[in-house]
N, C-alpha and C. Protein backbone atom coordinates (compact mmCIF):
# COMPACT_ATOMS: atom_id res chain seq x y z
N MET A 1 56.27 159.05 122.08
CA MET A 1 56.56 159.25 123.47
C MET A 1 57.80 158.42 123.82
N PRO A 2 58.77 158.99 124.51
CA PRO A 2 59.99 158.26 124.85
C PRO A 2 59.72 157.20 125.91
N ARG A 3 60.53 156.15 125.83
CA ARG A 3 60.37 155.06 126.80
C ARG A 3 60.97 155.48 128.13
N ALA A 4 60.38 154.93 129.17
CA ALA A 4 60.90 155.22 130.50
C ALA A 4 62.16 154.40 130.73
N PRO A 5 63.18 154.95 131.36
CA PRO A 5 64.40 154.19 131.61
C PRO A 5 64.13 153.03 132.56
N LYS A 6 64.85 151.94 132.34
CA LYS A 6 64.70 150.77 133.20
C LYS A 6 65.35 151.03 134.54
N SER A 7 64.85 150.35 135.51
CA SER A 7 65.37 150.50 136.86
C SER A 7 66.78 149.93 136.92
N GLN A 8 67.68 150.58 137.61
CA GLN A 8 69.05 150.14 137.75
C GLN A 8 69.17 148.97 138.72
N SER A 9 68.12 148.69 139.48
CA SER A 9 68.20 147.63 140.47
C SER A 9 68.04 146.24 139.86
N GLN A 10 67.61 146.15 138.61
CA GLN A 10 67.46 144.84 137.97
C GLN A 10 68.83 144.24 137.71
N ASP A 11 68.91 142.95 137.91
CA ASP A 11 70.16 142.24 137.68
C ASP A 11 70.34 142.04 136.18
N ILE A 12 71.48 142.38 135.66
CA ILE A 12 71.75 142.26 134.23
C ILE A 12 72.16 140.83 133.94
N LYS A 13 71.47 140.18 133.01
CA LYS A 13 71.77 138.79 132.66
C LYS A 13 72.93 138.79 131.67
N PRO A 14 73.88 137.88 131.87
CA PRO A 14 75.02 137.84 130.96
C PRO A 14 74.63 137.25 129.61
N LYS A 15 75.36 137.61 128.61
CA LYS A 15 75.16 137.05 127.28
C LYS A 15 76.16 135.92 127.11
N PRO A 16 75.85 134.94 126.29
CA PRO A 16 76.75 133.78 126.16
C PRO A 16 78.18 134.17 125.79
N TYR A 17 78.35 135.21 125.03
CA TYR A 17 79.70 135.58 124.62
C TYR A 17 80.43 136.36 125.72
N ASP A 18 79.74 136.70 126.81
CA ASP A 18 80.39 137.38 127.93
C ASP A 18 80.89 136.41 128.99
N LEU A 19 80.75 135.10 128.79
CA LEU A 19 81.06 134.14 129.84
C LEU A 19 82.52 133.72 129.87
N GLY A 20 83.29 134.00 128.86
CA GLY A 20 84.67 133.55 128.81
C GLY A 20 85.55 134.23 129.83
N GLU A 21 86.70 133.60 130.11
CA GLU A 21 87.64 134.19 131.06
C GLU A 21 88.25 135.45 130.45
N GLY A 22 88.51 136.41 131.27
CA GLY A 22 89.14 137.63 130.82
C GLY A 22 88.19 138.59 130.16
N SER A 23 86.94 138.21 130.03
CA SER A 23 85.98 139.13 129.43
C SER A 23 85.35 139.98 130.52
N ASN A 24 84.66 140.97 130.13
CA ASN A 24 84.00 141.84 131.10
C ASN A 24 82.65 141.24 131.47
N SER A 25 82.68 140.10 132.13
CA SER A 25 81.42 139.45 132.49
C SER A 25 80.81 140.16 133.68
N HIS A 26 79.53 140.05 133.77
CA HIS A 26 78.79 140.70 134.84
C HIS A 26 78.90 139.88 136.11
N SER A 27 78.46 140.44 137.20
CA SER A 27 78.57 139.76 138.49
C SER A 27 77.72 138.50 138.55
N HIS A 28 76.66 138.45 137.77
CA HIS A 28 75.79 137.27 137.76
C HIS A 28 76.17 136.39 136.57
N ALA A 29 77.31 135.74 136.64
CA ALA A 29 77.76 134.88 135.55
C ALA A 29 77.13 133.51 135.68
N ALA A 30 76.48 133.06 134.63
CA ALA A 30 75.83 131.75 134.65
C ALA A 30 76.86 130.68 134.31
N SER A 31 76.60 129.48 134.78
CA SER A 31 77.52 128.39 134.46
C SER A 31 77.35 128.02 132.99
N SER A 32 78.37 127.38 132.43
CA SER A 32 78.31 127.03 131.02
C SER A 32 77.29 125.93 130.77
N ASP A 33 76.85 125.22 131.82
CA ASP A 33 75.85 124.17 131.66
C ASP A 33 74.50 124.74 131.21
N GLU A 34 74.22 125.97 131.57
CA GLU A 34 72.95 126.57 131.18
C GLU A 34 72.86 126.73 129.67
N TYR A 35 73.99 126.88 129.01
CA TYR A 35 74.00 127.13 127.58
C TYR A 35 74.31 125.88 126.77
N ASP A 36 74.61 124.77 127.43
CA ASP A 36 74.93 123.53 126.74
C ASP A 36 73.62 122.81 126.45
N THR A 37 73.18 122.86 125.22
CA THR A 37 71.90 122.26 124.86
C THR A 37 72.06 121.04 123.97
N LYS A 38 73.28 120.51 123.83
CA LYS A 38 73.50 119.35 122.98
C LYS A 38 72.91 118.12 123.64
N PRO A 39 72.14 117.34 122.90
CA PRO A 39 71.56 116.12 123.49
C PRO A 39 72.61 115.03 123.60
N TYR A 40 72.44 114.17 124.57
CA TYR A 40 73.33 113.03 124.73
C TYR A 40 72.83 111.91 123.83
N ILE A 41 73.67 111.46 122.92
CA ILE A 41 73.30 110.39 122.01
C ILE A 41 74.25 109.23 122.25
N LYS A 42 73.69 108.12 122.64
CA LYS A 42 74.50 106.94 122.90
C LYS A 42 74.87 106.31 121.55
N SER A 43 76.16 106.12 121.34
CA SER A 43 76.59 105.54 120.07
C SER A 43 76.45 104.03 120.13
N ARG A 44 76.11 103.46 119.00
CA ARG A 44 75.93 102.02 118.91
C ARG A 44 77.26 101.41 118.48
N THR A 45 77.83 100.59 119.33
CA THR A 45 79.13 100.01 119.04
C THR A 45 79.02 98.61 118.46
N GLN A 46 77.90 97.95 118.65
CA GLN A 46 77.74 96.60 118.14
C GLN A 46 76.76 96.62 116.98
N LYS A 47 77.00 95.73 116.02
CA LYS A 47 76.06 95.61 114.92
C LYS A 47 74.82 94.88 115.40
N ALA A 48 73.71 95.26 114.84
CA ALA A 48 72.48 94.55 115.16
C ALA A 48 72.55 93.16 114.56
N PRO A 49 72.10 92.15 115.29
CA PRO A 49 72.15 90.81 114.73
C PRO A 49 71.22 90.71 113.53
N GLY A 50 71.72 90.16 112.47
CA GLY A 50 70.92 90.06 111.25
C GLY A 50 70.79 88.62 110.81
N ARG A 51 69.95 88.43 109.88
CA ARG A 51 69.73 87.11 109.32
C ARG A 51 70.86 86.81 108.35
N THR A 52 71.40 85.61 108.37
CA THR A 52 72.48 85.25 107.46
C THR A 52 71.93 85.05 106.06
N TRP A 53 72.77 85.32 105.08
CA TRP A 53 72.36 85.20 103.69
C TRP A 53 72.40 83.73 103.27
N MET A 54 71.37 83.31 102.58
CA MET A 54 71.31 81.97 102.01
C MET A 54 72.01 82.00 100.66
N GLY A 55 72.48 80.84 100.21
CA GLY A 55 73.19 80.76 98.94
C GLY A 55 72.35 81.21 97.76
N ASP A 56 71.09 80.79 97.72
CA ASP A 56 70.24 81.18 96.59
C ASP A 56 69.94 82.67 96.61
N GLU A 57 69.91 83.28 97.80
CA GLU A 57 69.71 84.73 97.89
C GLU A 57 70.93 85.47 97.33
N LEU A 58 72.13 84.97 97.64
CA LEU A 58 73.35 85.60 97.13
C LEU A 58 73.43 85.49 95.62
N VAL A 59 73.07 84.33 95.08
CA VAL A 59 73.10 84.14 93.63
C VAL A 59 72.08 85.06 92.97
N THR A 60 70.88 85.17 93.54
CA THR A 60 69.86 86.05 92.98
C THR A 60 70.32 87.50 93.01
N LEU A 61 70.94 87.91 94.12
CA LEU A 61 71.47 89.27 94.23
C LEU A 61 72.53 89.53 93.16
N PHE A 62 73.41 88.55 92.95
CA PHE A 62 74.44 88.67 91.92
C PHE A 62 73.81 88.80 90.54
N GLU A 63 72.80 87.99 90.24
CA GLU A 63 72.14 88.05 88.93
C GLU A 63 71.43 89.38 88.72
N ILE A 64 70.82 89.91 89.77
CA ILE A 64 70.15 91.21 89.65
C ILE A 64 71.18 92.30 89.40
N ALA A 65 72.28 92.27 90.15
CA ALA A 65 73.32 93.30 89.99
C ALA A 65 73.97 93.21 88.63
N LEU A 66 74.15 92.00 88.14
CA LEU A 66 74.81 91.81 86.86
C LEU A 66 73.87 92.12 85.70
N GLY A 67 72.59 91.90 85.89
CA GLY A 67 71.63 92.12 84.81
C GLY A 67 71.88 91.14 83.69
N LYS A 68 71.91 91.64 82.48
CA LYS A 68 72.18 90.79 81.32
C LYS A 68 73.67 90.56 81.13
N GLY A 69 74.47 91.20 81.94
CA GLY A 69 75.91 91.06 81.80
C GLY A 69 76.47 92.12 80.87
N PRO A 70 77.78 92.20 80.81
CA PRO A 70 78.39 93.20 79.94
C PRO A 70 78.23 92.81 78.48
N PRO A 71 78.12 93.79 77.60
CA PRO A 71 78.02 93.47 76.18
C PRO A 71 79.37 92.97 75.65
N LYS A 72 79.32 92.28 74.53
CA LYS A 72 80.55 91.75 73.93
C LYS A 72 81.54 92.88 73.63
N THR A 73 81.02 94.04 73.31
CA THR A 73 81.91 95.16 72.96
C THR A 73 82.72 95.64 74.16
N ALA A 74 82.28 95.31 75.37
CA ALA A 74 83.03 95.73 76.56
C ALA A 74 84.37 95.02 76.65
N PHE A 75 84.50 93.87 75.99
CA PHE A 75 85.73 93.09 76.06
C PHE A 75 86.69 93.39 74.92
N GLU A 76 86.28 94.22 73.97
CA GLU A 76 87.14 94.51 72.81
C GLU A 76 88.41 95.20 73.26
N GLY A 77 89.54 94.63 72.89
CA GLY A 77 90.84 95.22 73.19
C GLY A 77 91.25 95.12 74.65
N ALA A 78 90.47 94.42 75.46
CA ALA A 78 90.79 94.32 76.89
C ALA A 78 91.98 93.40 77.12
N LEU A 79 92.08 92.35 76.31
CA LEU A 79 93.17 91.38 76.47
C LEU A 79 93.90 91.23 75.14
N PRO A 80 95.21 91.40 75.16
CA PRO A 80 95.94 91.20 73.91
C PRO A 80 95.90 89.72 73.51
N ASP A 81 95.87 89.46 72.25
CA ASP A 81 95.84 88.10 71.70
C ASP A 81 94.54 87.36 71.98
N ARG A 82 93.49 88.05 72.41
CA ARG A 82 92.17 87.44 72.61
C ARG A 82 91.13 88.32 71.94
N SER A 83 90.17 87.67 71.29
CA SER A 83 89.10 88.44 70.66
C SER A 83 88.04 88.78 71.70
N ALA A 84 87.18 89.72 71.36
CA ALA A 84 86.09 90.10 72.26
C ALA A 84 85.16 88.92 72.48
N LEU A 85 84.93 88.11 71.42
CA LEU A 85 84.04 86.96 71.54
C LEU A 85 84.64 85.91 72.50
N GLN A 86 85.95 85.67 72.40
CA GLN A 86 86.59 84.71 73.30
C GLN A 86 86.47 85.17 74.76
N ALA A 87 86.73 86.44 75.00
CA ALA A 87 86.65 86.97 76.37
C ALA A 87 85.23 86.91 76.90
N HIS A 88 84.26 87.25 76.04
CA HIS A 88 82.86 87.24 76.46
C HIS A 88 82.40 85.82 76.78
N LYS A 89 82.76 84.86 75.95
CA LYS A 89 82.37 83.46 76.20
C LYS A 89 83.02 82.93 77.47
N THR A 90 84.27 83.29 77.72
CA THR A 90 84.94 82.86 78.95
C THR A 90 84.26 83.47 80.16
N TRP A 91 83.85 84.73 80.04
CA TRP A 91 83.11 85.38 81.13
C TRP A 91 81.82 84.61 81.41
N GLN A 92 81.05 84.33 80.34
CA GLN A 92 79.76 83.66 80.50
C GLN A 92 79.88 82.21 80.97
N ASN A 93 80.82 81.48 80.40
CA ASN A 93 80.87 80.04 80.63
C ASN A 93 81.81 79.61 81.76
N THR A 94 82.70 80.47 82.20
CA THR A 94 83.67 80.08 83.23
C THR A 94 83.56 80.96 84.48
N ILE A 95 83.67 82.26 84.29
CA ILE A 95 83.77 83.16 85.45
C ILE A 95 82.43 83.29 86.18
N VAL A 96 81.35 83.55 85.45
CA VAL A 96 80.04 83.71 86.10
C VAL A 96 79.62 82.44 86.84
N PRO A 97 79.73 81.24 86.23
CA PRO A 97 79.38 80.03 86.99
C PRO A 97 80.26 79.83 88.23
N PHE A 98 81.55 80.18 88.12
CA PHE A 98 82.44 80.05 89.27
C PHE A 98 81.99 80.97 90.41
N ILE A 99 81.64 82.21 90.09
CA ILE A 99 81.19 83.16 91.11
C ILE A 99 79.87 82.68 91.73
N LYS A 100 78.95 82.21 90.89
CA LYS A 100 77.67 81.71 91.41
C LYS A 100 77.88 80.53 92.35
N LYS A 101 78.78 79.61 91.97
CA LYS A 101 79.06 78.45 92.81
C LYS A 101 79.67 78.89 94.14
N ALA A 102 80.60 79.86 94.09
CA ALA A 102 81.23 80.35 95.32
C ALA A 102 80.19 81.03 96.22
N LEU A 103 79.28 81.79 95.64
CA LEU A 103 78.23 82.43 96.44
C LEU A 103 77.30 81.39 97.05
N GLN A 104 76.96 80.37 96.28
CA GLN A 104 76.09 79.31 96.78
C GLN A 104 76.75 78.59 97.95
N GLU A 105 78.05 78.28 97.81
CA GLU A 105 78.77 77.61 98.89
C GLU A 105 78.90 78.49 100.12
N LYS A 106 79.10 79.79 99.91
CA LYS A 106 79.18 80.71 101.04
C LYS A 106 77.87 80.74 101.80
N GLY A 107 76.77 80.82 101.06
CA GLY A 107 75.45 80.82 101.70
C GLY A 107 75.14 79.52 102.40
N ASP A 108 75.51 78.40 101.78
CA ASP A 108 75.28 77.10 102.40
C ASP A 108 76.18 76.91 103.62
N GLY A 109 77.37 77.49 103.58
CA GLY A 109 78.28 77.42 104.72
C GLY A 109 77.74 78.16 105.93
N ASN A 110 76.97 79.24 105.69
CA ASN A 110 76.37 79.99 106.80
C ASN A 110 75.34 79.16 107.55
N THR A 111 74.61 78.31 106.83
CA THR A 111 73.57 77.52 107.48
C THR A 111 74.15 76.31 108.19
N LYS A 112 75.29 75.79 107.71
CA LYS A 112 75.89 74.61 108.34
C LYS A 112 76.53 74.95 109.68
N SER A 113 76.97 76.20 109.85
CA SER A 113 77.66 76.58 111.09
C SER A 113 76.70 76.81 112.24
N ARG A 114 75.42 76.79 112.00
CA ARG A 114 74.43 77.03 113.07
C ARG A 114 74.18 75.81 113.88
């Protein structure tokens, strides 16, 4: 059975793509606010206050990240006129302790400034 035609007296609602200027919009044009459904999100401009890192925490974090350290083979051919063993021992005995000391001092410096 065919559908009955709709009454011509009903107001035709515009479609969102009919709202632009120069388009064949209907007489009942809705404002663009009706179609704006984006939520307002306030952006956070300041960092949340956090707890300062202690020196022993920084050293522990460094040790976890470093793990057992690089293997001796990682230093092979890295420096001319130096063996892999020399480079590895310098890493273990000079550079790692220096970094740990610097991290410890940085952490201790955070607590002294309070």
